[in-house]
Amino acid sequence: MALPPQPPPDDPQLRIHQERERLAKLAYWLDDRFRIPGTNWRIGADGLVGLIPGVGDGITTAVSAYLVLEARRLGISKAVLMRMIWNVAIDGLVGTVPLVGDLFDIRWKANRKNMQLLNEHLAKIYGPEQSPTTQKIL
């Protein structure tokens, strides 16, 4: 049985697909990696590291900003980029409020929202059949 033809290693769509998969894994680890026992709620590094007083929210906001920078590098539109920045800004600002911010971090999921925006943008450019899927990374 022959393998299907593979795209050349310098194929821009392959590179974008690989970058999207890498960013999806990062977003998953930040927002959804662990299930809170007894609930359907999921928490990731953003919610856990954000519990560290003084520096936790700064660290996770910086990592979330990295995801936005990578989306910019992939050519996302300015309008979508601004929505992504807004999601990170809200997450970072509200996250600094003790206790309320920590609970907000668990539910807001800025990185998941930003991956959805990135996926929708890629689907518009490459078409839904060629764009990376929005499958959950486990």
N, C-alpha and C. Protein backbone atom coordinates (compact mmCIF):
# COMPACT_ATOMS: atom_id res chain seq x y z
N MET A 1 0.85 -1.17 0.00
CA MET A 1 0.00 0.00 0.00
C MET A 1 0.89 1.23 0.00
N ALA A 2 0.67 2.14 -0.91
CA ALA A 2 1.48 3.35 -1.05
C ALA A 2 0.97 4.43 -0.10
N LEU A 3 1.91 5.19 0.44
CA LEU A 3 1.56 6.32 1.29
C LEU A 3 1.10 7.49 0.43
N PRO A 4 0.18 8.31 0.95
CA PRO A 4 -0.25 9.47 0.17
C PRO A 4 0.93 10.44 -0.01
N PRO A 5 0.91 11.23 -1.08
CA PRO A 5 2.01 12.16 -1.29
C PRO A 5 2.10 13.16 -0.14
N GLN A 6 3.29 13.44 0.30
CA GLN A 6 3.53 14.37 1.39
C GLN A 6 3.92 15.73 0.81
N PRO A 7 3.48 16.82 1.45
CA PRO A 7 3.88 18.14 0.96
C PRO A 7 5.37 18.35 1.18
N PRO A 8 5.99 19.17 0.35
CA PRO A 8 7.41 19.44 0.56
C PRO A 8 7.63 20.09 1.92
N PRO A 9 8.81 19.89 2.53
CA PRO A 9 9.06 20.42 3.88
C PRO A 9 8.95 21.93 3.97
N ASP A 10 9.13 22.65 2.88
CA ASP A 10 9.05 24.11 2.92
C ASP A 10 7.67 24.62 2.54
N ASP A 11 6.67 23.75 2.52
CA ASP A 11 5.30 24.13 2.18
C ASP A 11 4.75 25.10 3.24
N PRO A 12 4.34 26.31 2.84
CA PRO A 12 3.86 27.29 3.82
C PRO A 12 2.62 26.82 4.59
N GLN A 13 1.72 26.09 3.92
CA GLN A 13 0.53 25.61 4.63
C GLN A 13 0.90 24.57 5.69
N LEU A 14 1.89 23.75 5.39
CA LEU A 14 2.35 22.76 6.38
C LEU A 14 2.95 23.47 7.58
N ARG A 15 3.75 24.50 7.32
CA ARG A 15 4.36 25.26 8.42
C ARG A 15 3.28 25.92 9.28
N ILE A 16 2.28 26.51 8.64
CA ILE A 16 1.19 27.15 9.38
C ILE A 16 0.42 26.11 10.19
N HIS A 17 0.17 24.96 9.60
CA HIS A 17 -0.52 23.89 10.31
C HIS A 17 0.28 23.44 11.54
N GLN A 18 1.58 23.27 11.38
CA GLN A 18 2.44 22.86 12.50
C GLN A 18 2.47 23.93 13.59
N GLU A 19 2.54 25.19 13.20
CA GLU A 19 2.53 26.28 14.18
C GLU A 19 1.21 26.32 14.92
N ARG A 20 0.12 26.14 14.19
CA ARG A 20 -1.20 26.14 14.81
C ARG A 20 -1.34 25.01 15.82
N GLU A 21 -0.83 23.85 15.47
CA GLU A 21 -0.88 22.72 16.39
C GLU A 21 -0.05 22.99 17.65
N ARG A 22 1.10 23.60 17.47
CA ARG A 22 1.96 23.94 18.61
C ARG A 22 1.27 24.96 19.52
N LEU A 23 0.65 25.97 18.93
CA LEU A 23 -0.06 26.98 19.71
C LEU A 23 -1.29 26.39 20.38
N ALA A 24 -1.97 25.46 19.72
CA ALA A 24 -3.14 24.81 20.33
C ALA A 24 -2.73 24.02 21.57
N LYS A 25 -1.59 23.36 21.50
CA LYS A 25 -1.10 22.63 22.68
C LYS A 25 -0.77 23.58 23.81
N LEU A 26 -0.15 24.70 23.48
CA LEU A 26 0.18 25.70 24.50
C LEU A 26 -1.11 26.22 25.14
N ALA A 27 -2.11 26.57 24.34
CA ALA A 27 -3.38 27.07 24.87
C ALA A 27 -4.05 26.02 25.75
N TYR A 28 -3.99 24.76 25.33
CA TYR A 28 -4.57 23.67 26.12
C TYR A 28 -3.89 23.59 27.49
N TRP A 29 -2.58 23.64 27.52
CA TRP A 29 -1.86 23.57 28.79
C TRP A 29 -2.15 24.79 29.65
N LEU A 30 -2.33 25.94 29.05
CA LEU A 30 -2.61 27.15 29.82
C LEU A 30 -4.02 27.18 30.39
N ASP A 31 -4.99 26.66 29.65
CA ASP A 31 -6.39 26.83 30.05
C ASP A 31 -7.12 25.57 30.47
N ASP A 32 -6.74 24.39 29.98
CA ASP A 32 -7.61 23.23 30.13
C ASP A 32 -6.95 21.92 30.56
N ARG A 33 -5.72 21.91 30.92
CA ARG A 33 -4.97 20.66 31.10
C ARG A 33 -5.56 19.74 32.18
N PHE A 34 -6.05 20.29 33.27
CA PHE A 34 -6.51 19.46 34.39
C PHE A 34 -7.99 19.68 34.66
N ARG A 35 -8.68 18.60 35.00
CA ARG A 35 -10.09 18.70 35.40
C ARG A 35 -10.15 18.85 36.91
N ILE A 36 -10.97 19.78 37.37
CA ILE A 36 -11.16 19.96 38.81
C ILE A 36 -12.05 18.82 39.28
N PRO A 37 -11.56 17.99 40.20
CA PRO A 37 -12.32 16.82 40.64
C PRO A 37 -13.73 17.18 41.11
N GLY A 38 -14.69 16.36 40.70
CA GLY A 38 -16.07 16.55 41.10
C GLY A 38 -16.82 17.58 40.27
N THR A 39 -16.15 18.17 39.26
CA THR A 39 -16.79 19.17 38.41
C THR A 39 -16.46 18.88 36.95
N ASN A 40 -17.07 19.63 36.07
CA ASN A 40 -16.71 19.58 34.66
C ASN A 40 -15.76 20.72 34.30
N TRP A 41 -15.34 21.48 35.28
CA TRP A 41 -14.44 22.60 35.06
C TRP A 41 -13.03 22.09 34.83
N ARG A 42 -12.34 22.79 33.93
CA ARG A 42 -10.94 22.45 33.65
C ARG A 42 -10.09 23.66 33.99
N ILE A 43 -8.87 23.40 34.38
CA ILE A 43 -7.93 24.46 34.76
C ILE A 43 -6.58 24.11 34.15
N GLY A 44 -5.84 25.13 33.84
CA GLY A 44 -4.50 24.93 33.29
C GLY A 44 -3.49 25.74 34.06
N ALA A 45 -2.33 25.89 33.47
CA ALA A 45 -1.24 26.63 34.11
C ALA A 45 -1.63 28.07 34.39
N ASP A 46 -2.47 28.67 33.55
CA ASP A 46 -2.88 30.06 33.77
C ASP A 46 -3.57 30.20 35.13
N GLY A 47 -4.50 29.31 35.42
CA GLY A 47 -5.20 29.37 36.70
C GLY A 47 -4.32 28.97 37.88
N LEU A 48 -3.42 28.02 37.68
CA LEU A 48 -2.57 27.55 38.77
C LEU A 48 -1.43 28.51 39.08
N VAL A 49 -0.70 28.92 38.05
CA VAL A 49 0.42 29.84 38.26
C VAL A 49 -0.09 31.20 38.71
N GLY A 50 -1.30 31.55 38.25
CA GLY A 50 -1.90 32.82 38.66
C GLY A 50 -2.15 32.91 40.16
N LEU A 51 -2.13 31.79 40.85
CA LEU A 51 -2.31 31.79 42.31
C LEU A 51 -1.08 32.32 43.06
N ILE A 52 0.06 32.36 42.38
CA ILE A 52 1.28 32.86 43.02
C ILE A 52 1.18 34.37 43.15
N PRO A 53 1.13 34.87 44.38
CA PRO A 53 0.95 36.31 44.57
C PRO A 53 2.09 37.12 43.96
N GLY A 54 1.70 38.22 43.31
CA GLY A 54 2.69 39.16 42.80
C GLY A 54 3.24 38.87 41.42
N VAL A 55 3.56 37.62 41.11
CA VAL A 55 4.21 37.33 39.84
C VAL A 55 3.43 36.36 38.96
N GLY A 56 2.53 35.59 39.52
CA GLY A 56 1.84 34.55 38.76
C GLY A 56 1.09 35.07 37.55
N ASP A 57 0.31 36.12 37.74
CA ASP A 57 -0.47 36.66 36.62
C ASP A 57 0.43 37.31 35.58
N GLY A 58 1.52 37.90 36.01
CA GLY A 58 2.47 38.48 35.05
C GLY A 58 3.09 37.42 34.17
N ILE A 59 3.44 36.30 34.76
CA ILE A 59 4.04 35.19 34.00
C ILE A 59 3.05 34.64 32.98
N THR A 60 1.83 34.36 33.42
CA THR A 60 0.87 33.77 32.49
C THR A 60 0.40 34.77 31.43
N THR A 61 0.35 36.04 31.78
CA THR A 61 0.00 37.05 30.78
C THR A 61 1.09 37.13 29.71
N ALA A 62 2.34 37.02 30.12
CA ALA A 62 3.45 37.04 29.16
C ALA A 62 3.37 35.84 28.21
N VAL A 63 3.04 34.67 28.74
CA VAL A 63 2.93 33.49 27.88
C VAL A 63 1.73 33.63 26.94
N SER A 64 0.63 34.18 27.44
CA SER A 64 -0.53 34.42 26.58
C SER A 64 -0.21 35.44 25.49
N ALA A 65 0.59 36.45 25.83
CA ALA A 65 1.01 37.45 24.84
C ALA A 65 1.88 36.80 23.77
N TYR A 66 2.68 35.81 24.16
CA TYR A 66 3.49 35.08 23.18
C TYR A 66 2.60 34.41 22.14
N LEU A 67 1.50 33.81 22.59
CA LEU A 67 0.56 33.17 21.66
C LEU A 67 0.02 34.20 20.66
N VAL A 68 -0.28 35.41 21.14
CA VAL A 68 -0.78 36.47 20.26
C VAL A 68 0.31 36.90 19.28
N LEU A 69 1.54 37.02 19.75
CA LEU A 69 2.65 37.39 18.86
C LEU A 69 2.85 36.35 17.76
N GLU A 70 2.72 35.09 18.11
CA GLU A 70 2.86 34.03 17.11
C GLU A 70 1.70 34.09 16.09
N ALA A 71 0.50 34.41 16.56
CA ALA A 71 -0.63 34.56 15.64
C ALA A 71 -0.37 35.73 14.69
N ARG A 72 0.22 36.79 15.19
CA ARG A 72 0.58 37.92 14.33
C ARG A 72 1.59 37.48 13.27
N ARG A 73 2.55 36.69 13.69
CA ARG A 73 3.56 36.19 12.76
C ARG A 73 2.94 35.31 11.67
N LEU A 74 1.84 34.67 11.98
CA LEU A 74 1.13 33.85 11.00
C LEU A 74 0.27 34.69 10.06
N GLY A 75 0.22 36.00 10.29
CA GLY A 75 -0.47 36.89 9.37
C GLY A 75 -1.92 37.17 9.71
N ILE A 76 -2.28 37.05 10.96
CA ILE A 76 -3.66 37.29 11.36
C ILE A 76 -4.01 38.77 11.13
N SER A 77 -5.25 39.06 10.83
CA SER A 77 -5.67 40.43 10.53
C SER A 77 -5.56 41.30 11.78
N LYS A 78 -5.45 42.61 11.55
CA LYS A 78 -5.33 43.54 12.68
C LYS A 78 -6.57 43.53 13.56
N ALA A 79 -7.75 43.40 12.96
CA ALA A 79 -8.98 43.37 13.74
C ALA A 79 -9.02 42.16 14.67
N VAL A 80 -8.65 40.99 14.16
CA VAL A 80 -8.63 39.79 14.99
C VAL A 80 -7.52 39.89 16.02
N LEU A 81 -6.39 40.43 15.63
CA LEU A 81 -5.28 40.62 16.55
C LEU A 81 -5.71 41.49 17.73
N MET A 82 -6.45 42.55 17.46
CA MET A 82 -6.92 43.43 18.54
C MET A 82 -7.88 42.68 19.48
N ARG A 83 -8.72 41.82 18.93
CA ARG A 83 -9.61 41.02 19.79
C ARG A 83 -8.80 40.08 20.67
N MET A 84 -7.74 39.50 20.12
CA MET A 84 -6.88 38.60 20.90
C MET A 84 -6.17 39.37 22.01
N ILE A 85 -5.67 40.55 21.69
CA ILE A 85 -5.00 41.39 22.70
C ILE A 85 -5.99 41.75 23.80
N TRP A 86 -7.22 42.07 23.42
CA TRP A 86 -8.25 42.40 24.40
C TRP A 86 -8.48 41.22 25.35
N ASN A 87 -8.58 40.01 24.82
CA ASN A 87 -8.78 38.83 25.67
C ASN A 87 -7.66 38.67 26.68
N VAL A 88 -6.42 38.87 26.24
CA VAL A 88 -5.26 38.74 27.14
C VAL A 88 -5.26 39.88 28.16
N ALA A 89 -5.59 41.09 27.72
CA ALA A 89 -5.61 42.23 28.64
C ALA A 89 -6.64 42.04 29.75
N ILE A 90 -7.83 41.60 29.37
CA ILE A 90 -8.88 41.35 30.38
C ILE A 90 -8.41 40.27 31.35
N ASP A 91 -7.84 39.19 30.83
CA ASP A 91 -7.34 38.10 31.66
C ASP A 91 -6.27 38.60 32.62
N GLY A 92 -5.34 39.39 32.10
CA GLY A 92 -4.25 39.89 32.93
C GLY A 92 -4.70 40.89 33.98
N LEU A 93 -5.59 41.81 33.61
CA LEU A 93 -6.04 42.84 34.56
C LEU A 93 -6.94 42.27 35.65
N VAL A 94 -7.95 41.51 35.26
CA VAL A 94 -8.86 40.95 36.27
C VAL A 94 -8.13 39.91 37.11
N GLY A 95 -7.17 39.22 36.51
CA GLY A 95 -6.40 38.21 37.24
C GLY A 95 -5.61 38.76 38.41
N THR A 96 -5.33 40.06 38.39
CA THR A 96 -4.55 40.65 39.49
C THR A 96 -5.38 40.88 40.75
N VAL A 97 -6.70 40.81 40.64
CA VAL A 97 -7.56 40.99 41.81
C VAL A 97 -7.53 39.70 42.63
N PRO A 98 -7.12 39.77 43.90
CA PRO A 98 -7.04 38.56 44.71
C PRO A 98 -8.38 37.80 44.76
N LEU A 99 -8.31 36.53 44.71
CA LEU A 99 -9.41 35.56 44.76
C LEU A 99 -10.39 35.70 43.59
N VAL A 100 -10.99 36.87 43.41
CA VAL A 100 -11.92 37.07 42.29
C VAL A 100 -11.19 36.85 40.98
N GLY A 101 -9.99 37.37 40.86
CA GLY A 101 -9.20 37.20 39.65
C GLY A 101 -8.84 35.75 39.40
N ASP A 102 -8.55 35.02 40.47
CA ASP A 102 -8.22 33.60 40.32
C ASP A 102 -9.42 32.80 39.83
N LEU A 103 -10.59 33.09 40.37
CA LEU A 103 -11.80 32.42 39.90
C LEU A 103 -12.13 32.82 38.46
N PHE A 104 -11.89 34.09 38.14
CA PHE A 104 -12.11 34.57 36.78
C PHE A 104 -11.20 33.83 35.80
N ASP A 105 -9.93 33.64 36.17
CA ASP A 105 -8.97 32.94 35.31
C ASP A 105 -9.45 31.55 34.94
N ILE A 106 -10.08 30.88 35.88
CA ILE A 106 -10.55 29.52 35.65
C ILE A 106 -11.65 29.48 34.59
N ARG A 107 -12.48 30.52 34.54
CA ARG A 107 -13.62 30.52 33.63
C ARG A 107 -13.40 31.31 32.34
N TRP A 108 -12.54 32.31 32.31
CA TRP A 108 -12.40 33.20 31.16
C TRP A 108 -11.78 32.50 29.95
N LYS A 109 -10.71 31.76 30.14
CA LYS A 109 -10.06 30.97 29.07
C LYS A 109 -9.64 31.83 27.88
N ALA A 110 -8.85 32.86 28.14
CA ALA A 110 -8.40 33.77 27.08
C ALA A 110 -7.65 33.04 25.97
N ASN A 111 -6.85 32.07 26.32
CA ASN A 111 -6.05 31.36 25.32
C ASN A 111 -6.93 30.49 24.42
N ARG A 112 -7.93 29.87 25.01
CA ARG A 112 -8.88 29.08 24.21
C ARG A 112 -9.64 29.99 23.26
N LYS A 113 -10.08 31.15 23.76
CA LYS A 113 -10.78 32.12 22.91
C LYS A 113 -9.87 32.57 21.76
N ASN A 114 -8.60 32.81 22.07
CA ASN A 114 -7.67 33.27 21.05
C ASN A 114 -7.38 32.19 20.02
N MET A 115 -7.32 30.95 20.43
CA MET A 115 -7.13 29.87 19.45
C MET A 115 -8.36 29.74 18.55
N GLN A 116 -9.54 29.96 19.10
CA GLN A 116 -10.75 29.93 18.27
C GLN A 116 -10.69 31.05 17.23
N LEU A 117 -10.26 32.23 17.64
CA LEU A 117 -10.12 33.34 16.69
C LEU A 117 -9.09 33.02 15.61
N LEU A 118 -7.97 32.43 16.01
CA LEU A 118 -6.93 32.06 15.05
C LEU A 118 -7.45 31.00 14.07
N ASN A 119 -8.14 30.00 14.59
CA ASN A 119 -8.69 28.94 13.73
C ASN A 119 -9.69 29.51 12.73
N GLU A 120 -10.56 30.40 13.19
CA GLU A 120 -11.53 31.01 12.28
C GLU A 120 -10.83 31.82 11.20
N HIS A 121 -9.80 32.55 11.58
CA HIS A 121 -9.04 33.34 10.61
C HIS A 121 -8.38 32.44 9.57
N LEU A 122 -7.76 31.36 10.02
CA LEU A 122 -7.12 30.44 9.08
C LEU A 122 -8.14 29.78 8.16
N ALA A 123 -9.33 29.49 8.68
CA ALA A 123 -10.37 28.88 7.86
C ALA A 123 -10.82 29.84 6.75
N LYS A 124 -10.85 31.13 7.05
CA LYS A 124 -11.22 32.12 6.04
C LYS A 124 -10.16 32.21 4.94
N ILE A 125 -8.90 32.08 5.32
CA ILE A 125 -7.82 32.19 4.35
C ILE A 125 -7.69 30.93 3.52
N TYR A 126 -7.66 29.77 4.18
CA TYR A 126 -7.36 28.51 3.51
C TYR A 126 -8.57 27.65 3.21
N GLY A 127 -9.72 28.06 3.70
CA GLY A 127 -10.92 27.25 3.51
C GLY A 127 -11.03 26.22 4.62
N PRO A 128 -12.26 25.85 4.99
CA PRO A 128 -12.43 24.94 6.12
C PRO A 128 -11.83 23.56 5.89
N GLU A 129 -11.79 23.09 4.65
CA GLU A 129 -11.26 21.75 4.41
C GLU A 129 -9.73 21.73 4.45
N GLN A 130 -9.07 22.88 4.27
CA GLN A 130 -7.62 22.90 4.28
C GLN A 130 -7.05 23.49 5.55
N SER A 131 -7.87 24.21 6.31
CA SER A 131 -7.36 24.83 7.52
C SER A 131 -7.26 23.78 8.62
N PRO A 132 -6.40 24.04 9.59
CA PRO A 132 -6.32 23.12 10.72
C PRO A 132 -7.66 23.06 11.46
N THR A 133 -7.94 21.92 12.01
CA THR A 133 -9.20 21.75 12.72
C THR A 133 -9.11 22.38 14.10
N THR A 134 -10.24 22.48 14.75
CA THR A 134 -10.28 23.01 16.11
C THR A 134 -10.34 21.88 17.11
N GLN A 135 -9.80 20.73 16.73
CA GLN A 135 -9.86 19.58 17.62
C GLN A 135 -9.15 19.86 18.94
N LYS A 136 -9.63 19.22 19.97
CA LYS A 136 -9.03 19.38 21.28
C LYS A 136 -7.77 18.52 21.35
N ILE A 137 -6.70 19.13 21.79
CA ILE A 137 -5.44 18.43 21.95
C ILE A 137 -5.44 17.76 23.31
N LEU A 138 -5.19 16.48 23.35
CA LEU A 138 -5.15 15.76 24.64
C LEU A 138 -3.75 15.35 24.99
